[in-house]
PDB file of all heavy atoms in Angstrom:
ATOM      1  N   ASP A   1      93.092 223.003 -60.350  1.00  0.00           N
ATOM      2  CA  ASP A   1      92.614 223.002 -59.005  1.00  0.00           C
ATOM      3  C   ASP A   1      93.638 222.360 -58.127  1.00  0.00           C
ATOM      4  O   ASP A   1      93.824 222.862 -56.894  1.00  0.00           O
ATOM      5  CB  ASP A   1      91.305 222.257 -58.955  1.00  0.00           C
ATOM      6  CG  ASP A   1      90.144 223.006 -59.725  1.00  0.00           C
ATOM      7  OD1 ASP A   1      90.452 224.218 -59.976  1.00  0.00           O
ATOM      8  OD2 ASP A   1      89.117 222.407 -60.073  1.00  0.00           O
ATOM      9  N   ALA A   2      94.243 221.258 -58.525  1.00  0.00           N
ATOM     10  CA  ALA A   2      95.175 220.575 -57.592  1.00  0.00           C
ATOM     11  C   ALA A   2      96.430 221.544 -57.163  1.00  0.00           C
ATOM     12  O   ALA A   2      96.776 221.652 -56.098  1.00  0.00           O
ATOM     13  CB  ALA A   2      95.763 219.317 -58.222  1.00  0.00           C
ATOM     14  N   VAL A   3      96.855 222.257 -58.317  1.00  0.00           N
ATOM     15  CA  VAL A   3      98.024 223.159 -57.961  1.00  0.00           C
ATOM     16  C   VAL A   3      97.699 224.253 -57.013  1.00  0.00           C
ATOM     17  O   VAL A   3      98.288 224.578 -56.178  1.00  0.00           O
ATOM     18  CB  VAL A   3      98.524 223.838 -59.407  1.00  0.00           C
ATOM     19  CG1 VAL A   3      99.413 224.999 -59.150  1.00  0.00           C
ATOM     20  CG2 VAL A   3      99.075 222.670 -60.259  1.00  0.00           C
ATOM     21  N   ALA A   4      96.495 224.865 -57.241  1.00  0.00           N
ATOM     22  CA  ALA A   4      95.989 225.945 -56.315  1.00  0.00           C
ATOM     23  C   ALA A   4      95.778 225.350 -54.920  1.00  0.00           C
ATOM     24  O   ALA A   4      96.159 226.093 -53.895  1.00  0.00           O
ATOM     25  CB  ALA A   4      94.678 226.563 -56.852  1.00  0.00           C
ATOM     26  N   ARG A   5      95.233 224.132 -54.777  1.00  0.00           N
ATOM     27  CA  ARG A   5      95.033 223.584 -53.471  1.00  0.00           C
ATOM     28  C   ARG A   5      96.414 223.366 -52.725  1.00  0.00           C
ATOM     29  O   ARG A   5      96.652 223.576 -51.604  1.00  0.00           O
ATOM     30  CB  ARG A   5      94.350 222.224 -53.564  1.00  0.00           C
ATOM     31  CG  ARG A   5      94.017 221.514 -52.225  1.00  0.00           C
ATOM     32  CD  ARG A   5      92.878 220.618 -52.392  1.00  0.00           C
ATOM     33  NE  ARG A   5      93.327 219.422 -53.320  1.00  0.00           N
ATOM     34  CZ  ARG A   5      92.830 219.385 -54.523  1.00  0.00           C
ATOM     35  NH1 ARG A   5      91.930 220.278 -55.053  1.00  0.00           N
ATOM     36  NH2 ARG A   5      93.185 218.423 -55.453  1.00  0.00           N
ATOM     37  N   GLN A   6      97.445 222.927 -53.521  1.00  0.00           N
ATOM     38  CA  GLN A   6      98.751 222.669 -52.891  1.00  0.00           C
ATOM     39  C   GLN A   6      99.327 223.955 -52.465  1.00  0.00           C
ATOM     40  O   GLN A   6     100.002 224.074 -51.424  1.00  0.00           O
ATOM     41  CB  GLN A   6      99.685 221.984 -53.905  1.00  0.00           C
ATOM     42  CG  GLN A   6      99.171 220.443 -54.282  1.00  0.00           C
ATOM     43  CD  GLN A   6      99.015 219.640 -53.145  1.00  0.00           C
ATOM     44  OE1 GLN A   6      99.652 219.741 -52.163  1.00  0.00           O
ATOM     45  NE2 GLN A   6      97.915 218.847 -53.135  1.00  0.00           N
ATOM     46  N   LYS A   7      99.215 225.074 -53.214  1.00  0.00           N
ATOM     47  CA  LYS A   7      99.736 226.362 -52.820  1.00  0.00           C
ATOM     48  C   LYS A   7      99.115 226.863 -51.522  1.00  0.00           C
ATOM     49  O   LYS A   7      99.722 227.357 -50.608  1.00  0.00           O
ATOM     50  CB  LYS A   7      99.488 227.377 -53.962  1.00  0.00           C
ATOM     51  CG  LYS A   7     100.342 227.150 -55.169  1.00  0.00           C
ATOM     52  CD  LYS A   7     100.152 228.232 -56.276  1.00  0.00           C
ATOM     53  CE  LYS A   7     100.645 229.451 -55.664  1.00  0.00           C
ATOM     54  NZ  LYS A   7     100.595 230.615 -56.828  1.00  0.00           N
ATOM     55  N   ARG A   8      97.733 226.599 -51.393  1.00  0.00           N
ATOM     56  CA  ARG A   8      97.084 227.012 -50.139  1.00  0.00           C
ATOM     57  C   ARG A   8      97.549 226.209 -48.897  1.00  0.00           C
ATOM     58  O   ARG A   8      97.699 226.729 -47.849  1.00  0.00           O
ATOM     59  CB  ARG A   8      95.575 226.778 -50.268  1.00  0.00           C
ATOM     60  CG  ARG A   8      94.967 227.849 -51.272  1.00  0.00           C
ATOM     61  CD  ARG A   8      93.412 227.949 -51.214  1.00  0.00           C
ATOM     62  NE  ARG A   8      92.780 226.527 -51.358  1.00  0.00           N
ATOM     63  CZ  ARG A   8      92.451 226.218 -52.633  1.00  0.00           C
ATOM     64  NH1 ARG A   8      92.530 227.020 -53.714  1.00  0.00           N
ATOM     65  NH2 ARG A   8      91.914 225.068 -52.828  1.00  0.00           N
ATOM     66  N   VAL A   9      97.815 224.902 -49.148  1.00  0.00           N
ATOM     67  CA  VAL A   9      98.303 224.165 -48.081  1.00  0.00           C
ATOM     68  C   VAL A   9      99.606 224.512 -47.654  1.00  0.00           C
ATOM     69  O   VAL A   9     100.043 224.639 -46.392  1.00  0.00           O
ATOM     70  CB  VAL A   9      98.266 222.586 -48.623  1.00  0.00           C
ATOM     71  CG1 VAL A   9      98.973 221.683 -47.527  1.00  0.00           C
ATOM     72  CG2 VAL A   9      96.870 222.039 -48.674  1.00  0.00           C
ATOM     73  N   ALA A  10     100.524 224.849 -48.628  1.00  0.00           N
ATOM     74  CA  ALA A  10     101.958 225.247 -48.279  1.00  0.00           C
ATOM     75  C   ALA A  10     101.860 226.493 -47.604  1.00  0.00           C
ATOM     76  O   ALA A  10     102.654 226.776 -46.594  1.00  0.00           O
ATOM     77  CB  ALA A  10     102.725 225.384 -49.467  1.00  0.00           C
ATOM     78  N   GLN A  11     100.958 227.481 -47.929  1.00  0.00           N
ATOM     79  CA  GLN A  11     100.843 228.886 -47.276  1.00  0.00           C
ATOM     80  C   GLN A  11     100.383 228.554 -45.834  1.00  0.00           C
ATOM     81  O   GLN A  11     100.903 229.215 -44.969  1.00  0.00           O
ATOM     82  CB  GLN A  11     100.013 229.710 -48.060  1.00  0.00           C
ATOM     83  CG  GLN A  11      99.894 231.095 -47.492  1.00  0.00           C
ATOM     84  CD  GLN A  11      98.950 232.064 -48.281  1.00  0.00           C
ATOM     85  OE1 GLN A  11      98.491 231.553 -49.286  1.00  0.00           O
ATOM     86  NE2 GLN A  11      98.959 233.294 -47.823  1.00  0.00           N
ATOM     87  N   ARG A  12      99.432 227.911 -45.680  1.00  0.00           N
ATOM     88  CA  ARG A  12      98.804 227.607 -44.241  1.00  0.00           C
ATOM     89  C   ARG A  12     100.002 226.999 -43.406  1.00  0.00           C
ATOM     90  O   ARG A  12     100.098 227.245 -42.193  1.00  0.00           O
ATOM     91  CB  ARG A  12      97.653 226.753 -44.278  1.00  0.00           C
ATOM     92  CG  ARG A  12      96.356 227.470 -44.853  1.00  0.00           C
ATOM     93  CD  ARG A  12      95.157 226.670 -44.456  1.00  0.00           C
ATOM     94  NE  ARG A  12      95.150 225.358 -44.995  1.00  0.00           N
ATOM     95  CZ  ARG A  12      94.499 225.015 -46.229  1.00  0.00           C
ATOM     96  NH1 ARG A  12      93.971 226.003 -46.896  1.00  0.00           N
ATOM     97  NH2 ARG A  12      94.611 223.823 -46.661  1.00  0.00           N
ATOM     98  N   LEU A  13     100.727 225.942 -43.929  1.00  0.00           N
ATOM     99  CA  LEU A  13     101.820 225.375 -43.142  1.00  0.00           C
ATOM    100  C   LEU A  13     102.718 226.448 -42.756  1.00  0.00           C
ATOM    101  O   LEU A  13     103.382 226.450 -41.623  1.00  0.00           O
ATOM    102  CB  LEU A  13     102.441 224.272 -43.955  1.00  0.00           C
ATOM    103  CG  LEU A  13     103.578 223.552 -43.370  1.00  0.00           C
ATOM    104  CD1 LEU A  13     103.089 222.901 -42.109  1.00  0.00           C
ATOM    105  CD2 LEU A  13     104.148 222.482 -44.336  1.00  0.00           C
ATOM    106  N   ALA A  14     103.260 227.220 -43.810  1.00  0.00           N
ATOM    107  CA  ALA A  14     104.219 228.241 -43.422  1.00  0.00           C
ATOM    108  C   ALA A  14     103.641 229.332 -42.295  1.00  0.00           C
ATOM    109  O   ALA A  14     104.385 229.607 -41.368  1.00  0.00           O
ATOM    110  CB  ALA A  14     104.528 229.018 -44.582  1.00  0.00           C
ATOM    111  N   GLU A  15     102.343 229.604 -42.388  1.00  0.00           N
ATOM    112  CA  GLU A  15     101.841 230.529 -41.363  1.00  0.00           C
ATOM    113  C   GLU A  15     101.787 229.911 -39.970  1.00  0.00           C
ATOM    114  O   GLU A  15     102.081 230.542 -39.001  1.00  0.00           O
ATOM    115  CB  GLU A  15     100.429 230.951 -41.789  1.00  0.00           C
ATOM    116  CG  GLU A  15     100.408 231.894 -43.101  1.00  0.00           C
ATOM    117  CD  GLU A  15      98.912 232.134 -43.474  1.00  0.00           C
ATOM    118  OE1 GLU A  15      98.049 231.440 -42.867  1.00  0.00           O
ATOM    119  OE2 GLU A  15      98.868 233.106 -44.377  1.00  0.00           O
ATOM    120  N   ARG A  16     101.413 228.518 -39.914  1.00  0.00           N
ATOM    121  CA  ARG A  16     101.370 227.889 -38.684  1.00  0.00           C
ATOM    122  C   ARG A  16     102.799 227.754 -38.008  1.00  0.00           C
ATOM    123  O   ARG A  16     103.003 227.917 -36.873  1.00  0.00           O
ATOM    124  CB  ARG A  16     100.821 226.607 -38.821  1.00  0.00           C
ATOM    125  CG  ARG A  16      99.303 226.511 -38.996  1.00  0.00           C
ATOM    126  CD  ARG A  16      98.687 225.226 -38.763  1.00  0.00           C
ATOM    127  NE  ARG A  16      99.117 224.149 -39.601  1.00  0.00           N
ATOM    128  CZ  ARG A  16      98.581 223.848 -40.816  1.00  0.00           C
ATOM    129  NH1 ARG A  16      97.511 224.454 -41.160  1.00  0.00           N
ATOM    130  NH2 ARG A  16      99.076 222.864 -41.550  1.00  0.00           N
ATOM    131  N   GLN A  17     103.830 227.520 -38.910  1.00  0.00           N
ATOM    132  CA  GLN A  17     105.167 227.353 -38.336  1.00  0.00           C
ATOM    133  C   GLN A  17     105.638 228.773 -37.857  1.00  0.00           C
ATOM    134  O   GLN A  17     106.363 228.826 -36.903  1.00  0.00           O
ATOM    135  CB  GLN A  17     106.060 226.897 -39.571  1.00  0.00           C
ATOM    136  CG  GLN A  17     105.778 225.446 -39.867  1.00  0.00           C
ATOM    137  CD  GLN A  17     106.683 224.991 -41.009  1.00  0.00           C
ATOM    138  OE1 GLN A  17     107.385 225.744 -41.740  1.00  0.00           O
ATOM    139  NE2 GLN A  17     106.678 223.628 -41.207  1.00  0.00           N
ATOM    140  N   ALA A  18     105.319 229.845 -38.641  1.00  0.00           N
ATOM    141  CA  ALA A  18     105.752 231.177 -38.174  1.00  0.00           C
ATOM    142  C   ALA A  18     105.196 231.474 -36.783  1.00  0.00           C
ATOM    143  O   ALA A  18     105.758 231.967 -35.957  1.00  0.00           O
ATOM    144  CB  ALA A  18     105.380 232.236 -39.227  1.00  0.00           C
ATOM    145  N   GLU A  19     103.818 231.216 -36.646  1.00  0.00           N
ATOM    146  CA  GLU A  19     103.113 231.541 -35.413  1.00  0.00           C
ATOM    147  C   GLU A  19     103.736 230.724 -34.193  1.00  0.00           C
ATOM    148  O   GLU A  19     103.962 231.212 -33.207  1.00  0.00           O
ATOM    149  CB  GLU A  19     101.670 231.095 -35.501  1.00  0.00           C
ATOM    150  CG  GLU A  19     100.771 231.455 -34.263  1.00  0.00           C
ATOM    151  CD  GLU A  19      99.432 231.082 -34.530  1.00  0.00           C
ATOM    152  OE1 GLU A  19      98.976 230.756 -35.642  1.00  0.00           O
ATOM    153  OE2 GLU A  19      98.600 231.212 -33.574  1.00  0.00           O
ATOM    154  N   ALA A  20     104.098 229.366 -34.474  1.00  0.00           N
ATOM    155  CA  ALA A  20     104.736 228.529 -33.475  1.00  0.00           C
ATOM    156  C   ALA A  20     106.067 229.184 -33.099  1.00  0.00           C
ATOM    157  O   ALA A  20     106.550 229.124 -31.928  1.00  0.00           O
ATOM    158  CB  ALA A  20     104.740 227.047 -33.925  1.00  0.00           C
ATOM    159  N   GLN A  21     106.948 229.457 -34.142  1.00  0.00           N
ATOM    160  CA  GLN A  21     108.167 230.046 -33.697  1.00  0.00           C
ATOM    161  C   GLN A  21     107.960 231.316 -32.991  1.00  0.00           C
ATOM    162  O   GLN A  21     108.848 231.617 -32.045  1.00  0.00           O
ATOM    163  CB  GLN A  21     109.019 230.200 -34.989  1.00  0.00           C
ATOM    164  CG  GLN A  21     109.279 228.835 -35.647  1.00  0.00           C
ATOM    165  CD  GLN A  21     109.965 228.999 -36.959  1.00  0.00           C
ATOM    166  OE1 GLN A  21     110.069 230.200 -37.531  1.00  0.00           O
ATOM    167  NE2 GLN A  21     110.506 227.933 -37.629  1.00  0.00           N
ATOM    168  N   ALA A  22     107.063 232.135 -33.362  1.00  0.00           N
ATOM    169  CA  ALA A  22     106.939 233.420 -32.715  1.00  0.00           C
ATOM    170  C   ALA A  22     106.615 233.274 -31.168  1.00  0.00           C
ATOM    171  O   ALA A  22     107.133 233.897 -30.253  1.00  0.00           O
ATOM    172  CB  ALA A  22     105.907 234.324 -33.312  1.00  0.00           C
ATOM    173  N   LYS A  23     105.590 232.228 -30.841  1.00  0.00           N
ATOM    174  CA  LYS A  23     105.316 231.880 -29.530  1.00  0.00           C
ATOM    175  C   LYS A  23     106.440 231.406 -28.795  1.00  0.00           C
ATOM    176  O   LYS A  23     106.621 231.711 -27.482  1.00  0.00           O
ATOM    177  CB  LYS A  23     104.131 231.038 -29.603  1.00  0.00           C
ATOM    178  CG  LYS A  23     102.745 231.545 -30.047  1.00  0.00           C
ATOM    179  CD  LYS A  23     101.757 230.592 -30.043  1.00  0.00           C
ATOM    180  CE  LYS A  23     100.400 231.029 -30.493  1.00  0.00           C
ATOM    181  NZ  LYS A  23      99.221 230.005 -30.491  1.00  0.00           N
ATOM    182  N   ALA A  24     107.253 230.511 -29.359  1.00  0.00           N
ATOM    183  CA  ALA A  24     108.412 230.041 -28.714  1.00  0.00           C
ATOM    184  C   ALA A  24     109.486 231.075 -28.372  1.00  0.00           C
ATOM    185  O   ALA A  24     109.995 231.126 -27.323  1.00  0.00           O
ATOM    186  CB  ALA A  24     109.108 228.927 -29.517  1.00  0.00           C
ATOM    187  N   ALA A  25     109.607 232.117 -29.225  1.00  0.00           N
ATOM    188  CA  ALA A  25     110.620 233.182 -29.006  1.00  0.00           C
ATOM    189  C   ALA A  25     110.096 233.993 -27.862  1.00  0.00           C
ATOM    190  O   ALA A  25     110.803 234.495 -26.991  1.00  0.00           O
ATOM    191  CB  ALA A  25     110.854 233.894 -30.306  1.00  0.00           C
ATOM    192  N   ALA A  26     108.712 234.278 -27.839  1.00  0.00           N
ATOM    193  CA  ALA A  26     108.154 235.046 -26.780  1.00  0.00           C
ATOM    194  C   ALA A  26     108.269 234.472 -25.443  1.00  0.00           C
ATOM    195  O   ALA A  26     108.641 235.002 -24.382  1.00  0.00           O
ATOM    196  CB  ALA A  26     106.698 235.397 -26.984  1.00  0.00           C
ATOM    197  N   ALA A  27     108.058 233.086 -25.349  1.00  0.00           N
ATOM    198  CA  ALA A  27     108.271 232.341 -24.106  1.00  0.00           C
ATOM    199  C   ALA A  27     109.715 232.300 -23.662  1.00  0.00           C
ATOM    200  O   ALA A  27     109.981 232.479 -22.437  1.00  0.00           O
ATOM    201  CB  ALA A  27     107.740 230.869 -24.311  1.00  0.00           C
ATOM    202  N   ALA A  28     110.683 232.223 -24.591  1.00  0.00           N
ATOM    203  CA  ALA A  28     112.074 232.266 -24.272  1.00  0.00           C
ATOM    204  C   ALA A  28     112.466 233.576 -23.772  1.00  0.00           C
ATOM    205  O   ALA A  28     113.169 233.644 -22.829  1.00  0.00           O
ATOM    206  CB  ALA A  28     112.902 231.772 -25.475  1.00  0.00           C
ATOM    207  N   ALA A  29     111.964 234.601 -24.266  1.00  0.00           N
ATOM    208  CA  ALA A  29     112.270 235.946 -23.846  1.00  0.00           C
ATOM    209  C   ALA A  29     111.714 236.232 -22.436  1.00  0.00           C
ATOM    210  O   ALA A  29     112.288 236.970 -21.681  1.00  0.00           O
ATOM    211  CB  ALA A  29     111.791 237.073 -24.852  1.00  0.00           C
ATOM    212  N   ALA A  30     110.582 235.645 -22.250  1.00  0.00           N
ATOM    213  CA  ALA A  30     109.930 235.939 -20.887  1.00  0.00           C
ATOM    214  C   ALA A  30     110.630 235.175 -19.856  1.00  0.00           C
ATOM    215  O   ALA A  30     110.613 235.652 -18.664  1.00  0.00           O
ATOM    216  CB  ALA A  30     108.397 235.504 -21.036  1.00  0.00           C
ATOM    217  N   SER A  31     111.261 233.969 -20.215  1.00  0.00           N
ATOM    218  CA  SER A  31     111.875 233.342 -19.084  1.00  0.00           C
ATOM    219  C   SER A  31     113.283 233.619 -18.874  1.00  0.00           C
ATOM    220  O   SER A  31     114.003 233.188 -18.062  1.00  0.00           O
ATOM    221  CB  SER A  31     111.918 231.694 -19.540  1.00  0.00           C
ATOM    222  OG  SER A  31     112.555 231.600 -20.771  1.00  0.00           O
ATOM    223  N   THR A  32     113.954 234.580 -19.699  1.00  0.00           N
ATOM    224  CA  THR A  32     115.286 235.054 -19.592  1.00  0.00           C
ATOM    225  C   THR A  32     115.420 235.925 -18.304  1.00  0.00           C
ATOM    226  O   THR A  32     114.707 236.819 -18.069  1.00  0.00           O
ATOM    227  CB  THR A  32     115.762 235.778 -20.761  1.00  0.00           C
ATOM    228  OG1 THR A  32     115.597 235.090 -21.988  1.00  0.00           O
ATOM    229  CG2 THR A  32     117.172 236.256 -20.772  1.00  0.00           C
ATOM    230  N   PRO A  33     116.383 235.696 -17.405  1.00  0.00           N
ATOM    231  CA  PRO A  33     116.573 236.349 -16.156  1.00  0.00           C
ATOM    232  C   PRO A  33     116.976 237.807 -16.533  1.00  0.00           C
ATOM    233  O   PRO A  33     117.678 237.971 -17.395  1.00  0.00           O
ATOM    234  CB  PRO A  33     117.636 235.681 -15.457  1.00  0.00           C
ATOM    235  CG  PRO A  33     118.345 234.826 -16.344  1.00  0.00           C
ATOM    236  CD  PRO A  33     117.427 234.447 -17.444  1.00  0.00           C
ATOM    237  N   ALA A  34     116.486 238.736 -15.708  1.00  0.00           N
ATOM    238  CA  ALA A  34     116.825 240.171 -15.854  1.00  0.00           C
ATOM    239  C   ALA A  34     118.366 240.458 -15.563  1.00  0.00           C
ATOM    240  O   ALA A  34     118.887 239.786 -14.605  1.00  0.00           O
ATOM    241  CB  ALA A  34     115.979 240.963 -15.116  1.00  0.00           C
TER     242      ALA A  34
END
């Protein structure tokens, strides 16, 4: 159970980091001058 719980925590952490990086990239692209 501990092993499975650690895997779920790692997966959620990776998903949150990917979402944050995607939002940062979108914000940077929107602020780039034409």
